[in-house]
Amino acid sequence: MTRSTQTTPAARSGLGQAPGTPTAARFGEVIWAVTRVALGFVFLWAFLDKLFGLGKATPTERAWLNGGSPTTGFLSNVEGPFGGFFSSMAGQAWADWLFMIGLLGIGVALLLGIGMWVAAVSGSLLLGLMWLASLPIATNPFLDDHLVYALVLLGLAATGAGLRYSLAGWWQSLAVVRQNNWLR
């Protein structure tokens, strides 16, 4: 009596299959979609916490709606080679607005799977600036989560991974998006 290779739970679910098989490809697509949504939630949560002061990173009394500045807490404490540059931006209205619009726009774009190039470029720029403000990094000579998130953002936009489970199809069918490829 021979034993089938399709008897284990991993084999039945497709987890035991080689990469590139239809089941593995679907699983990969789901993982990238979840990654995209999770990263979108990171940006959207930062926006909501700074706007309302939900008590995680931003106390209620320092919420933007209560007159606080979303950039002051982080930028006023920057040390290192770019400390003066970033500290000068802390609390500036233009910096607060750009930061908050960026967090909201990037978060919504990632959650919905629309405008991925704009989200990837603007998100990578924002994360790159936050990385510069974090120098010197205490736990690693070069790499931290800001750069890893930026790479994931650029990878998602470049490959279109995880967009099957999004509004990307509808978004890309819009005339304005078809005429302006950078809005994809």
Protein backbone atom coordinates (compact mmCIF):
# COMPACT_ATOMS: atom_id res chain seq x y z
CA MET A 1 0.00 0.00 0.00
CA THR A 2 1.42 3.38 -0.98
CA ARG A 3 0.86 6.50 0.98
CA SER A 4 -0.38 9.66 -0.73
CA THR A 5 1.62 12.84 -0.29
CA GLN A 6 -1.65 14.74 -0.02
CA THR A 7 -2.59 13.39 3.42
CA THR A 8 -0.97 15.94 5.72
CA PRO A 9 -2.75 19.17 6.63
CA ALA A 10 0.14 21.17 5.16
CA ALA A 11 -0.12 19.29 1.89
CA ARG A 12 -3.90 19.70 1.73
CA SER A 13 -3.61 23.44 2.40
CA GLY A 14 -0.93 23.91 -0.23
CA LEU A 15 1.73 24.92 2.30
CA GLY A 16 3.82 21.89 1.39
CA GLN A 17 3.81 22.72 -2.32
CA ALA A 18 6.69 24.20 -4.19
CA PRO A 19 6.69 27.95 -4.82
CA GLY A 20 5.03 28.87 -8.09
CA THR A 21 2.23 26.34 -7.84
CA PRO A 22 -1.27 27.85 -8.04
CA THR A 23 -2.04 27.20 -4.37
CA ALA A 24 1.30 28.58 -3.21
CA ALA A 25 0.83 31.62 -5.45
CA ARG A 26 -2.61 32.28 -3.94
CA PHE A 27 -1.18 31.90 -0.45
CA GLY A 28 1.61 34.34 -1.33
CA GLU A 29 -0.92 36.79 -2.73
CA VAL A 30 -2.90 36.63 0.52
CA ILE A 31 0.24 37.14 2.61
CA TRP A 32 1.24 40.20 0.57
CA ALA A 33 -2.31 41.59 0.81
CA VAL A 34 -2.24 41.17 4.59
CA THR A 35 1.21 42.80 4.67
CA ARG A 36 -0.08 45.74 2.62
CA VAL A 37 -3.11 46.18 4.90
CA ALA A 38 -0.98 45.83 8.05
CA LEU A 39 1.47 48.47 6.85
CA GLY A 40 -1.46 50.70 5.90
CA PHE A 41 -2.82 50.31 9.41
CA VAL A 42 0.57 51.37 10.85
CA PHE A 43 0.29 54.68 8.98
CA LEU A 44 -3.43 55.13 9.62
CA TRP A 45 -3.07 54.34 13.33
CA ALA A 46 -0.29 56.93 13.66
CA PHE A 47 -2.61 59.49 12.03
CA LEU A 48 -5.57 58.63 14.28
CA ASP A 49 -3.47 58.55 17.45
CA LYS A 50 -1.94 61.96 16.72
CA LEU A 51 -5.28 63.44 15.66
CA PHE A 52 -7.36 62.25 18.61
CA GLY A 53 -4.71 61.45 21.24
CA LEU A 54 -5.78 57.86 21.71
CA GLY A 55 -3.29 57.40 24.53
CA LYS A 56 -0.76 55.14 22.83
CA ALA A 57 2.00 57.39 21.45
CA THR A 58 -0.01 60.59 21.94
CA PRO A 59 -1.77 61.50 25.19
CA THR A 60 -5.24 63.02 24.80
CA GLU A 61 -4.10 66.44 25.96
CA ARG A 62 -1.46 66.57 23.18
CA ALA A 63 -3.84 65.51 20.37
CA TRP A 64 -3.83 67.66 17.26
CA LEU A 65 -7.55 68.36 17.77
CA ASN A 66 -6.72 69.63 21.27
CA GLY A 67 -4.11 72.08 19.97
CA GLY A 68 -1.10 69.77 20.13
CA SER A 69 1.46 69.40 17.39
CA PRO A 70 1.92 65.99 15.76
CA THR A 71 5.56 66.75 14.95
CA THR A 72 6.74 68.34 18.18
CA GLY A 73 7.14 65.20 20.30
CA PHE A 74 9.39 63.37 17.85
CA LEU A 75 11.23 66.20 16.13
CA SER A 76 12.03 68.31 19.20
CA ASN A 77 13.97 65.39 20.70
CA VAL A 78 16.09 64.57 17.65
CA GLU A 79 19.78 64.29 18.39
CA GLY A 80 22.60 63.21 16.16
CA PRO A 81 23.93 64.67 12.93
CA PHE A 82 20.60 66.13 11.75
CA GLY A 83 19.24 67.25 15.12
CA GLY A 84 19.24 70.96 14.34
CA PHE A 85 17.60 70.50 10.97
CA PHE A 86 14.74 68.38 12.30
CA SER A 87 14.29 70.32 15.54
CA SER A 88 13.73 73.49 13.51
CA MET A 89 10.69 71.83 11.90
CA ALA A 90 9.12 70.74 15.19
CA GLY A 91 5.73 72.34 15.72
CA GLN A 92 5.69 74.22 12.41
CA ALA A 93 2.17 74.29 10.95
CA TRP A 94 3.37 73.32 7.47
CA ALA A 95 5.26 70.32 8.89
CA ASP A 96 2.25 69.24 10.97
CA TRP A 97 -0.10 69.42 7.98
CA LEU A 98 2.27 67.65 5.58
CA PHE A 99 2.97 64.94 8.14
CA MET A 100 -0.70 64.32 8.92
CA ILE A 101 -1.82 64.42 5.27
CA GLY A 102 1.00 62.02 4.47
CA LEU A 103 0.07 59.57 7.24
CA LEU A 104 -3.60 59.61 6.24
CA GLY A 105 -3.02 59.38 2.49
CA ILE A 106 -0.42 56.62 2.72
CA GLY A 107 -2.52 54.66 5.20
CA VAL A 108 -5.72 54.85 3.14
CA ALA A 109 -3.91 54.08 -0.14
CA LEU A 110 -2.31 50.97 1.34
CA LEU A 111 -5.50 49.76 3.01
CA LEU A 112 -7.46 50.08 -0.23
CA GLY A 113 -4.63 49.11 -2.61
CA ILE A 114 -4.95 52.28 -4.67
CA GLY A 115 -2.36 54.85 -5.68
CA MET A 116 0.41 52.46 -4.75
CA TRP A 117 3.22 54.35 -6.49
CA VAL A 118 2.30 57.62 -4.79
CA ALA A 119 1.97 55.81 -1.46
CA ALA A 120 5.28 53.98 -1.94
CA VAL A 121 7.28 57.05 -2.95
CA SER A 122 5.77 59.40 -0.37
CA GLY A 123 5.85 56.72 2.33
CA SER A 124 9.48 55.89 1.58
CA LEU A 125 10.37 59.58 1.66
CA LEU A 126 8.62 60.03 5.02
CA LEU A 127 10.23 56.88 6.43
CA GLY A 128 13.63 57.91 5.06
CA LEU A 129 13.37 61.27 6.82
CA MET A 130 12.35 59.53 10.04
CA TRP A 131 15.34 57.23 9.65
CA LEU A 132 17.65 60.24 9.26
CA ALA A 133 16.11 61.77 12.38
CA SER A 134 16.79 58.52 14.26
CA LEU A 135 20.53 58.52 13.56
CA PRO A 136 22.61 57.24 15.21
CA ILE A 137 20.54 54.09 15.60
CA ALA A 138 21.04 52.52 19.00
CA THR A 139 20.36 48.89 18.05
CA ASN A 140 22.03 48.57 14.63
CA PRO A 141 24.76 50.50 12.85
CA PHE A 142 22.57 51.21 9.82
CA LEU A 143 19.26 49.37 9.46
CA ASP A 144 16.03 49.93 11.38
CA ASP A 145 12.30 49.45 10.86
CA HIS A 146 11.96 52.70 8.89
CA LEU A 147 14.18 51.40 6.09
CA VAL A 148 12.60 47.94 6.16
CA TYR A 149 9.10 49.45 5.86
CA ALA A 150 10.32 51.66 2.99
CA LEU A 151 11.67 48.60 1.16
CA VAL A 152 8.40 46.72 1.67
CA LEU A 153 6.44 49.72 0.37
CA LEU A 154 8.58 49.99 -2.75
CA GLY A 155 8.42 46.23 -3.29
CA LEU A 156 4.63 46.16 -3.02
CA ALA A 157 4.29 48.99 -5.55
CA ALA A 158 6.90 47.59 -7.95
CA THR A 159 5.45 44.08 -8.05
CA GLY A 160 1.76 44.74 -7.47
CA ALA A 161 1.83 41.95 -4.91
CA GLY A 162 -1.30 41.62 -2.81
CA LEU A 163 -3.44 43.83 -5.03
CA ARG A 164 -5.81 41.03 -6.02
CA TYR A 165 -7.54 41.66 -2.71
CA SER A 166 -8.02 45.41 -3.06
CA LEU A 167 -9.75 48.12 -5.03
CA ALA A 168 -6.81 48.30 -7.46
CA GLY A 169 -8.81 46.94 -10.41
CA TRP A 170 -11.50 49.56 -10.03
CA TRP A 171 -8.92 52.30 -9.37
CA GLN A 172 -6.86 51.42 -12.42
CA SER A 173 -9.97 51.45 -14.61
CA LEU A 174 -10.58 55.13 -13.89
CA ALA A 175 -9.81 57.38 -16.84
CA VAL A 176 -7.61 59.74 -14.83
CA VAL A 177 -5.49 56.83 -13.60
CA ARG A 178 -5.22 55.29 -17.08
CA GLN A 179 -4.02 58.67 -18.41
CA ASN A 180 -1.57 59.18 -15.53
CA ASN A 181 0.34 55.96 -14.92
CA TRP A 182 2.01 57.36 -11.82
CA LEU A 183 -1.37 57.29 -10.04
CA ARG A 184 -1.52 53.49 -10.27
